[in-house]
Amino acid sequence: MMITLLIAFAVGIVLGKVMLPVLHKLKFGQNIYELAPEAHKKKQGTPTMGGIVFILVPILVLLILDAPA
C-alpha cells in the first residue's frame, strides 16, 4: 500500500506540473471578488481545477496496481 501511495504522489506531482500550464491556457482561473482584500488579489487567475489531479491520480493508481492479474 505504501508503494501505491508513493507512486501516486510522484505521478501527481509530475502531472500537476504538466496540467497547471494547460489549465492556465484554458482559462480555468479563479476570479477574485473586486472588494476582496489586496492579499487575495494576487490569487487572480490561479487554476481552480488543479486539485482534480490530486484526487484522480491516487484512485487511478490504486485501481491499476491493485487490479487482479
Protein backbone atom coordinates (compact mmCIF):
# COMPACT_ATOMS: atom_id res chain seq x y z
CA MET A 1 0.00 0.00 0.00
CA MET A 2 2.87 2.38 0.78
CA ILE A 3 4.34 1.77 -2.70
CA THR A 4 0.97 2.67 -4.21
CA LEU A 5 0.88 5.93 -2.26
CA LEU A 6 4.44 6.84 -3.25
CA ILE A 7 3.75 6.14 -6.92
CA ALA A 8 0.52 8.16 -6.76
CA PHE A 9 2.39 11.04 -5.10
CA ALA A 10 5.13 11.03 -7.75
CA VAL A 11 2.66 10.80 -10.64
CA GLY A 12 0.53 13.55 -9.07
CA ILE A 13 3.49 15.91 -8.80
CA VAL A 14 4.58 15.31 -12.40
CA LEU A 15 1.04 15.52 -13.75
CA GLY A 16 0.39 18.65 -11.69
CA LYS A 17 3.42 20.37 -13.21
CA VAL A 18 2.12 19.47 -16.67
CA MET A 19 -1.55 20.28 -16.05
CA LEU A 20 -1.24 23.70 -14.39
CA PRO A 21 0.07 25.49 -17.51
CA VAL A 22 -2.62 23.74 -19.57
CA LEU A 23 -5.29 24.94 -17.15
CA HIS A 24 -3.87 28.48 -17.36
CA LYS A 25 -4.14 28.37 -21.17
CA LEU A 26 -7.71 27.07 -20.96
CA LYS A 27 -8.56 29.98 -18.61
CA PHE A 28 -9.63 27.76 -15.70
CA GLY A 29 -8.61 30.57 -13.39
CA GLN A 30 -10.05 31.77 -10.15
CA ASN A 31 -11.82 35.13 -10.21
CA ILE A 32 -11.39 37.28 -7.14
CA TYR A 33 -14.20 39.49 -5.91
CA GLU A 34 -13.28 43.13 -6.56
CA LEU A 35 -13.95 44.16 -2.95
CA ALA A 36 -11.73 41.40 -1.54
CA PRO A 37 -8.63 42.32 0.47
CA GLU A 38 -5.50 43.15 -1.54
CA ALA A 39 -3.75 39.99 -0.31
CA HIS A 40 -6.37 37.89 -2.12
CA LYS A 41 -5.99 39.69 -5.44
CA LYS A 42 -2.63 38.04 -6.12
CA LYS A 43 -4.56 34.75 -6.45
CA GLN A 44 -6.33 36.05 -9.56
CA GLY A 45 -6.01 33.50 -12.37
CA THR A 46 -4.98 30.56 -10.17
CA PRO A 47 -6.36 27.36 -11.72
CA THR A 48 -9.23 26.03 -9.65
CA MET A 49 -9.25 22.54 -11.18
CA GLY A 50 -5.69 21.62 -10.23
CA GLY A 51 -6.97 19.65 -7.25
CA ILE A 52 -8.55 17.14 -9.60
CA VAL A 53 -5.06 15.81 -10.29
CA PHE A 54 -4.56 15.02 -6.62
CA ILE A 55 -7.91 13.27 -6.37
CA LEU A 56 -7.95 11.25 -9.58
CA VAL A 57 -4.31 10.11 -9.64
CA PRO A 58 -4.36 8.13 -6.36
CA ILE A 59 -7.65 6.49 -7.33
CA LEU A 60 -6.35 5.52 -10.79
CA VAL A 61 -3.01 4.25 -9.45
CA LEU A 62 -4.81 2.22 -6.80
CA LEU A 63 -7.11 0.68 -9.39
CA ILE A 64 -4.22 -0.11 -11.75
CA LEU A 65 -1.82 -1.56 -9.16
CA ASP A 66 -4.41 -3.47 -7.13
CA ALA A 67 -6.28 -4.88 -10.11
CA PRO A 68 -6.40 -8.67 -10.15
CA ALA A 69 -3.99 -10.22 -12.66
